[in-house]
Protein backbone atom coordinates (compact mmCIF):
# COMPACT_ATOMS: atom_id res chain seq x y z
CA MET A 1 0.00 0.00 0.00
CA ASN A 2 3.05 2.29 0.31
CA GLU A 3 1.36 4.30 3.07
CA THR A 4 2.90 7.70 3.80
CA VAL A 5 1.71 10.78 5.65
CA ILE A 6 2.22 14.07 3.83
CA ALA A 7 1.30 17.73 4.42
CA ILE A 8 -0.88 19.54 1.88
CA PRO A 9 -0.99 23.37 1.89
CA ALA A 10 -4.54 24.66 2.38
CA GLY A 11 -6.67 27.59 3.42
CA PRO A 12 -6.24 31.32 2.80
CA GLY A 13 -2.77 31.98 1.46
CA LYS A 14 -2.08 28.24 1.82
CA GLN A 15 -0.78 28.96 5.33
CA SER A 16 -2.32 25.84 6.86
CA GLU A 17 -1.32 22.21 6.32
CA LEU A 18 -3.60 19.20 5.98
CA GLN A 19 -2.29 16.01 7.57
CA THR A 20 -2.93 13.59 4.72
CA THR A 21 -2.54 9.84 4.32
CA LEU A 22 -1.39 8.71 0.88
CA PHE A 23 -1.64 5.16 -0.46
CA ARG A 24 -0.51 4.19 -3.95
CA PRO A 25 0.68 1.22 -5.99
CA ASN A 26 4.33 0.58 -6.72
CA GLY A 27 5.77 2.55 -9.60
CA PRO A 28 5.85 6.17 -10.72
CA GLY A 29 2.27 6.46 -12.02
CA PRO A 30 0.44 8.52 -13.01
CA PHE A 31 -2.42 6.77 -11.20
CA PRO A 32 -6.12 7.59 -11.21
CA LEU A 33 -6.95 9.21 -7.89
CA LEU A 34 -9.52 8.67 -5.14
CA ILE A 35 -9.86 11.28 -2.39
CA ILE A 36 -11.73 10.09 0.74
CA ASN A 37 -13.16 12.68 3.14
CA HIS A 38 -13.73 11.90 6.79
CA GLY A 39 -16.65 12.65 9.08
CA LYS A 40 -16.71 14.48 12.40
CA GLU A 41 -16.73 12.67 15.71
CA SER A 42 -18.28 14.25 18.79
CA GLY A 43 -15.96 16.46 20.81
CA GLU A 44 -12.97 18.56 19.90
CA PRO A 45 -11.96 18.08 16.21
CA ARG A 46 -8.29 18.43 17.12
CA LYS A 47 -8.54 15.25 19.20
CA GLN A 48 -9.99 13.21 16.36
CA PRO A 49 -7.41 10.66 15.18
CA ARG A 50 -5.99 10.55 11.67
CA GLU A 51 -8.35 8.65 9.41
CA ARG A 52 -7.09 6.01 6.99
CA PHE A 53 -10.19 4.27 5.57
CA ILE A 54 -7.87 1.31 5.09
CA TYR A 55 -10.47 -1.10 3.71
CA MET A 56 -11.74 1.27 1.03
CA ALA A 57 -8.21 2.44 0.25
CA THR A 58 -7.10 -1.17 -0.24
CA ALA A 59 -9.96 -1.87 -2.66
CA PHE A 60 -8.96 1.09 -4.81
CA VAL A 61 -5.19 0.52 -4.71
CA LYS A 62 -5.87 -3.00 -5.98
CA ARG A 63 -7.48 -1.35 -8.97
CA GLY A 64 -4.48 0.86 -9.64
CA TYR A 65 -5.57 4.02 -7.84
CA ALA A 66 -3.63 6.36 -5.63
CA VAL A 67 -5.71 7.29 -2.57
CA LEU A 68 -5.54 10.48 -0.51
CA VAL A 69 -7.25 10.83 2.88
CA PRO A 70 -6.83 14.47 3.99
CA MET A 71 -7.71 15.61 7.50
CA ARG A 72 -9.34 18.98 7.03
CA ARG A 73 -8.24 22.13 8.88
CA GLY A 74 -8.58 21.84 12.63
CA PHE A 75 -8.82 18.03 12.63
CA ALA A 76 -6.17 15.66 14.00
CA GLY A 77 -2.68 16.81 13.00
CA SER A 78 -3.82 19.43 10.49
CA THR A 79 -3.10 23.05 11.32
CA GLY A 80 -5.50 25.96 10.98
CA ALA A 81 -8.87 26.48 12.64
CA TYR A 82 -11.89 24.24 12.28
CA ALA A 83 -14.54 26.14 10.33
CA ASP A 84 -17.84 26.01 12.23
CA HIS A 85 -20.91 27.77 10.85
CA GLY A 86 -23.28 26.42 13.47
CA CYS A 87 -26.67 25.41 12.12
CA ASN A 88 -25.98 26.78 8.64
CA MET A 89 -25.45 23.44 6.93
CA THR A 90 -24.96 24.98 3.50
CA ALA A 91 -22.07 27.11 4.76
CA ASN A 92 -20.58 24.19 6.71
CA GLY A 93 -20.43 22.04 3.58
CA TYR A 94 -18.88 24.80 1.49
CA ALA A 95 -16.21 25.49 4.14
CA GLN A 96 -15.14 21.85 4.26
CA ALA A 97 -15.22 21.60 0.45
CA SER A 98 -12.59 24.34 0.23
CA ASP A 99 -10.05 22.08 1.94
CA VAL A 100 -11.00 19.21 -0.37
CA GLN A 101 -10.41 21.43 -3.39
CA ASP A 102 -7.00 22.44 -2.04
CA ALA A 103 -6.11 18.74 -1.76
CA ILE A 104 -7.23 18.16 -5.36
CA GLU A 105 -5.21 21.09 -6.67
CA PHE A 106 -2.14 19.76 -4.85
CA ALA A 107 -2.60 16.24 -6.18
CA ARG A 108 -3.03 17.38 -9.80
CA ARG A 109 0.49 18.84 -9.66
CA GLN A 110 2.09 15.55 -8.55
CA ARG A 111 3.71 13.23 -11.06
CA TRP A 112 2.11 10.17 -9.49
CA ALA A 113 -1.47 11.43 -10.02
CA ASP A 114 -3.47 11.47 -13.24
CA PRO A 115 -4.87 15.04 -13.22
CA GLU A 116 -7.86 14.11 -15.40
CA ARG A 117 -9.11 10.96 -13.60
CA ILE A 118 -10.24 11.86 -10.09
CA VAL A 119 -13.10 10.63 -7.90
CA VAL A 120 -14.04 12.25 -4.59
CA ALA A 121 -15.78 10.23 -1.86
CA GLY A 122 -16.89 11.25 1.60
CA GLN A 123 -18.43 9.65 4.67
CA SER A 124 -20.88 11.53 6.93
CA TYR A 125 -19.64 15.15 7.17
CA GLY A 126 -17.18 14.25 4.43
CA GLY A 127 -20.12 13.23 2.23
CA LEU A 128 -21.73 16.63 2.75
CA ALA A 129 -18.40 18.24 1.82
CA ALA A 130 -18.14 16.11 -1.32
CA ILE A 131 -21.59 17.14 -2.56
CA ALA A 132 -20.84 20.78 -1.75
CA LEU A 133 -17.68 20.43 -3.85
CA GLY A 134 -19.89 19.32 -6.74
CA THR A 135 -21.20 22.87 -7.10
CA ARG A 136 -17.79 23.81 -8.54
CA ALA A 137 -16.40 22.75 -11.90
CA VAL A 138 -13.26 21.21 -10.40
CA PRO A 139 -10.81 20.19 -13.15
CA GLY A 140 -10.25 16.45 -13.35
CA VAL A 141 -13.06 15.40 -10.99
CA ARG A 142 -15.39 13.01 -12.80
CA GLY A 143 -17.67 11.88 -9.99
CA LEU A 144 -18.62 12.08 -6.32
CA ILE A 145 -19.56 9.27 -3.93
CA ASN A 146 -21.61 10.19 -0.87
CA PHE A 147 -21.55 7.60 1.91
CA ALA A 148 -24.19 8.52 4.52
CA GLY A 149 -23.50 12.22 4.00
CA GLY A 150 -24.75 14.91 6.35
CA LEU A 151 -24.10 16.71 9.62
CA ARG A 152 -26.05 16.63 12.87
CA ASP A 153 -26.23 19.57 15.26
CA ASP A 154 -28.17 19.06 18.49
CA GLY A 155 -27.70 22.64 19.64
CA GLU A 156 -30.66 24.67 20.81
CA ARG A 157 -32.78 26.30 18.10
CA CYS A 158 -31.14 24.25 15.36
CA ASP A 159 -33.54 22.40 13.10
CA TRP A 160 -30.63 20.54 11.56
CA ARG A 161 -32.80 18.20 9.50
CA ALA A 162 -34.52 21.08 7.72
CA GLN A 163 -31.15 22.77 7.32
CA LEU A 164 -29.70 19.65 5.69
CA VAL A 165 -32.60 19.44 3.25
CA GLN A 166 -32.09 23.10 2.38
CA ALA A 167 -28.33 22.59 1.98
CA PHE A 168 -28.74 19.71 -0.45
CA GLY A 169 -31.30 21.76 -2.36
CA ASN A 170 -28.80 24.58 -2.63
CA TYR A 171 -26.09 22.20 -3.81
CA GLY A 172 -28.44 20.64 -6.35
CA ALA A 173 -29.22 24.01 -7.90
CA ALA A 174 -25.53 24.56 -8.67
CA ASN A 175 -24.53 20.91 -9.24
CA LYS A 176 -21.87 20.32 -11.90
CA ILE A 177 -20.55 16.82 -11.10
CA PRO A 178 -22.59 13.55 -11.07
CA SER A 179 -22.83 11.69 -7.79
CA LEU A 180 -23.72 8.35 -6.22
CA TRP A 181 -25.41 8.38 -2.79
CA MET A 182 -25.54 5.37 -0.43
CA TYR A 183 -27.54 5.24 2.82
CA GLY A 184 -28.70 2.27 4.92
CA VAL A 185 -32.09 1.90 6.58
CA ASN A 186 -30.58 1.59 10.07
CA ASP A 187 -28.36 4.68 9.81
CA SER A 188 -28.43 6.16 13.33
CA LEU A 189 -28.10 9.75 12.09
CA PHE A 190 -29.87 9.98 8.75
CA GLY A 191 -32.92 7.74 8.49
CA PRO A 192 -34.80 6.85 5.29
CA GLU A 193 -37.38 9.65 5.57
CA LEU A 194 -34.71 12.34 5.93
CA VAL A 195 -32.60 10.82 3.17
CA ALA A 196 -35.58 10.87 0.80
CA ARG A 197 -36.16 14.55 1.57
CA MET A 198 -32.49 15.43 1.00
CA HIS A 199 -32.27 13.54 -2.28
CA SER A 200 -35.58 14.92 -3.53
CA ALA A 201 -34.50 18.49 -2.74
CA PHE A 202 -31.22 17.92 -4.58
CA GLU A 203 -32.81 16.51 -7.72
CA ARG A 204 -35.76 18.94 -7.79
CA ALA A 205 -33.26 21.78 -7.80
CA GLY A 206 -31.50 20.27 -10.82
CA GLY A 207 -28.81 18.06 -9.29
CA SER A 208 -27.67 14.73 -10.79
CA ALA A 209 -27.50 11.96 -8.18
CA ARG A 210 -28.41 8.27 -8.03
CA LEU A 211 -29.59 7.19 -4.59
CA VAL A 212 -28.94 3.64 -3.42
CA GLU A 213 -30.86 2.72 -0.27
CA PHE A 214 -29.60 -0.56 1.14
CA GLY A 215 -30.94 -2.54 4.06
CA ALA A 216 -29.64 -2.81 7.60
CA PHE A 217 -25.87 -3.07 7.98
CA LYS A 218 -24.76 -4.53 11.31
CA ARG A 219 -25.91 -2.30 14.18
CA ASP A 220 -25.54 0.99 12.33
CA ALA A 221 -25.24 1.56 8.59
CA HIS A 222 -23.63 4.93 9.24
CA GLY A 223 -20.26 3.23 9.69
CA MET A 224 -20.47 1.02 6.60
CA ALA A 225 -17.79 2.85 4.57
CA ALA A 226 -15.12 2.30 7.23
CA SER A 227 -16.09 -1.30 8.02
CA ARG A 228 -14.10 -4.35 6.95
CA ASP A 229 -17.35 -5.93 5.75
CA GLY A 230 -18.70 -2.81 4.07
CA ALA A 231 -17.28 -3.54 0.60
CA ARG A 232 -19.89 -6.22 0.01
CA ILE A 233 -22.46 -3.40 0.21
CA TRP A 234 -20.75 -0.50 -1.52
CA TRP A 235 -18.47 -2.01 -4.17
CA ARG A 236 -21.08 -3.30 -6.65
CA GLU A 237 -22.83 0.08 -6.92
CA THR A 238 -19.51 1.92 -6.87
CA GLU A 239 -18.18 -0.24 -9.69
CA ARG A 240 -21.23 0.57 -11.79
CA PHE A 241 -20.81 4.29 -11.11
CA LEU A 242 -17.08 4.24 -11.89
CA GLU A 243 -17.74 2.55 -15.22
CA GLN A 244 -20.32 5.21 -16.10
CA ILE A 245 -17.83 8.02 -15.52
CA GLY A 246 -14.94 6.30 -17.29
CA MET A 247 -12.86 5.24 -14.28
CA PRO A 248 -11.07 1.86 -13.96
CA THR A 249 -12.66 -1.00 -12.00
CA ARG A 250 -10.53 -4.09 -12.78
CA GLU A 251 -8.04 -5.35 -10.21
CA THR A 252 -4.52 -4.88 -11.54
CA VAL A 253 -2.36 -4.63 -8.40
CA ALA A 254 -1.51 -7.38 -5.93
CA VAL A 255 -1.83 -6.08 -2.36
CA ALA A 256 -0.60 -8.29 0.47
CA ASP A 257 -3.06 -9.04 3.23
CA ALA A 258 -2.41 -7.37 6.56
CA PRO A 259 -0.51 -9.72 8.90
CA SER A 260 -2.84 -11.67 11.14
CA VAL A 261 -2.39 -12.58 14.80
CA PRO A 262 -1.74 -16.35 14.96
CA ARG A 263 -4.35 -18.58 16.52
CA THR A 264 -3.29 -20.64 19.56
CA ASP A 265 -4.71 -23.74 21.21
CA PHE A 266 -4.89 -22.18 24.67
CA ALA A 267 -8.68 -22.47 24.92
CA ARG A 268 -11.95 -22.15 23.05
CA VAL A 269 -12.92 -18.54 22.46
CA ASP A 270 -16.14 -19.00 24.48
CA ASP A 271 -14.37 -20.58 27.48
CA ILE A 272 -14.78 -17.59 29.77
CA ALA A 273 -13.12 -19.26 32.74
CA ALA A 274 -9.89 -19.70 30.76
CA VAL A 275 -9.26 -15.95 30.29
CA PRO A 276 -6.33 -15.02 32.57
CA TYR A 277 -6.20 -12.28 35.21
CA LEU A 278 -9.89 -11.35 35.14
CA SER A 279 -12.14 -10.77 38.11
CA GLU A 280 -15.85 -11.56 37.99
CA ASN A 281 -16.46 -8.11 36.54
CA GLY A 282 -13.85 -8.78 33.88
CA ARG A 283 -15.38 -12.14 33.02
CA ALA A 284 -18.76 -10.44 32.66
CA ALA A 285 -17.10 -8.00 30.25
CA TYR A 286 -15.61 -10.87 28.25
CA ARG A 287 -19.04 -12.52 28.09
CA GLU A 288 -20.36 -9.25 26.64
CA TYR A 289 -17.43 -9.07 24.22
CA LEU A 290 -18.42 -12.44 22.71
CA HIS A 291 -21.49 -10.69 21.28
CA LYS A 292 -19.55 -7.81 19.73
CA LEU A 293 -19.10 -7.33 16.00
CA THR A 294 -16.06 -8.51 14.07
CA PRO A 295 -13.39 -7.43 13.55
CA ARG A 296 -12.84 -7.35 17.30
CA ALA A 297 -10.11 -7.89 19.89
CA PHE A 298 -9.90 -8.40 23.66
CA ALA A 299 -6.77 -7.42 25.64
CA VAL A 300 -5.80 -8.18 29.24
CA SER A 301 -3.16 -7.07 31.74
CA PRO A 302 -1.62 -8.79 34.79
CA SER A 303 -3.11 -5.92 36.83
CA GLY A 304 -6.59 -7.18 35.97
CA ALA A 305 -7.28 -4.44 33.44
CA TRP A 306 -9.05 -5.38 30.25
CA CYS A 307 -10.44 -3.76 27.14
CA TRP A 308 -12.25 -4.79 24.00
CA ALA A 309 -12.59 -3.00 20.68
CA GLU A 310 -14.89 -3.81 17.81
CA GLU A 311 -15.34 -2.73 14.17
CA GLY A 312 -13.42 0.07 12.47
CA GLU A 313 -9.72 0.07 11.79
CA ASP A 314 -7.18 -1.98 13.74
CA PRO A 315 -9.20 -3.13 16.78
CA HIS A 316 -6.07 -5.02 17.96
CA ALA A 317 -4.10 -1.82 18.48
CA ARG A 318 -7.07 0.07 19.91
CA ALA A 319 -7.78 -2.64 22.50
CA LEU A 320 -4.12 -2.85 23.53
CA ALA A 321 -3.76 0.92 23.83
CA ALA A 322 -6.92 1.36 25.90
CA CYS A 323 -5.95 -1.55 28.16
CA ALA A 324 -2.49 -0.06 28.71
CA ARG A 325 -4.01 3.30 29.64
CA SER A 326 -6.22 1.58 32.22
CA SER A 327 -3.52 -0.61 33.73
CA GLY A 328 -0.40 1.53 33.41
CA GLN A 329 1.50 -1.46 32.05
CA THR A 330 1.80 -3.53 28.88
CA CYS A 331 -1.21 -5.63 27.90
CA GLN A 332 -1.52 -8.71 25.69
CA LEU A 333 -4.19 -9.77 23.25
CA TYR A 334 -6.29 -12.68 24.45
CA SER A 335 -8.67 -13.18 21.54
CA VAL A 336 -9.29 -11.79 18.06
CA ASP A 337 -12.50 -12.19 16.08
CA ASP A 338 -13.64 -15.75 16.87
CA TYR A 339 -10.45 -17.39 18.14
CA VAL A 340 -7.92 -17.20 20.99
CA VAL A 341 -4.44 -15.75 20.36
CA TRP A 342 -3.12 -15.82 23.94
CA GLN A 343 0.56 -16.77 24.10
CA GLY A 344 1.37 -15.77 27.66
CA VAL A 345 1.45 -17.81 30.84
CA ALA A 346 -0.96 -16.55 33.45
CA ASP A 347 0.19 -16.37 37.06
CA ASP A 348 -2.72 -17.07 39.39
CA LYS A 349 -1.10 -14.87 42.03
CA LEU A 350 -1.65 -11.88 39.80
CA ALA A 351 -5.38 -12.41 39.51
CA VAL A 352 -7.35 -9.60 41.11
CA SER A 353 -10.51 -9.37 43.12
CA ALA A 354 -13.71 -7.92 41.75
CA SER A 355 -13.30 -4.81 43.86
CA SER A 356 -9.91 -3.91 42.36
CA ALA A 357 -10.46 -4.82 38.70
CA THR A 358 -10.09 -2.09 36.09
CA GLY A 359 -12.83 -1.89 33.48
CA GLY A 360 -12.41 -1.47 29.76
CA ALA A 361 -14.58 0.13 27.14
CA GLY A 362 -15.46 -0.96 23.64
CA SER A 363 -14.84 1.35 20.74
CA GLY A 364 -16.43 1.54 17.29
CA SER A 365 -16.05 3.71 14.07
CA LEU A 366 -18.78 6.14 12.89
């Protein structure tokens, strides 16, 4: 995947830098380009981690694409201020689209990128930004893919649903680039009724967009684009769209699978009593973990700390990191997905009582 992290100049006077993940095949290129735009988690944007969209990026690199995932101004390691226009969803989308356009202009000057074959995708807030970008005749951009696009604002006096409908209507009136929209029926933020209103407003105003409404995806379709299992939902429709806009769809690049954690014969994954170090509270947490979504991982510490992580990117690393924060010492993976990977030797003297056990928390990706 040749993953690197680069800085892209952005904003007024190009005085800010966007922390951007770049994936690309071997060789000099030029490669067709996919730009993936992230959503917004709750809380301070600066604390949001760098997004990679590794599963989607892998699917496109296999088809010969370079992939850019820019963190917009004010997010993660990007400099500059986060642009917040409150309940004005139209203005919010336009502000984020400016950073996306800066990333495109940068990429078109690079030797490894084909300046005339570009697709822009976005998830959640990134989807709103992608459709806002479509109001501009951006050189080289042939199509937009909107994965569960929108923005929610629960502030007082903000009718964010009506504002979203108005925003998509505004974007439709000035639309210049065709788009594909994908939303699931169990999306926790943007349900079918709201999606129908947004799409109708966009098309009534003159926009060109094909809406694909798929069924339920796991517990929440909002995270489908970043899920390991999401490609079975989005690739078929994406392939059809890419063919329509003259972009490649055939696999041409061999990408090695990510290294897996080896299975051991320590115990069955559902043998709760075999998990080392845990108190009764910890064993209850492991029982709960067995019902979590894959990919997933469960980590333990000799202190009795534990943590599980499910879905999203790299649950192994997320579980280990959260466990280490809870325990103050190194943790080990006990199980991954549906099998045990434990390679340590538990010392019964290190087991802790229920009153002193440290709890862990699951984490997902929306």
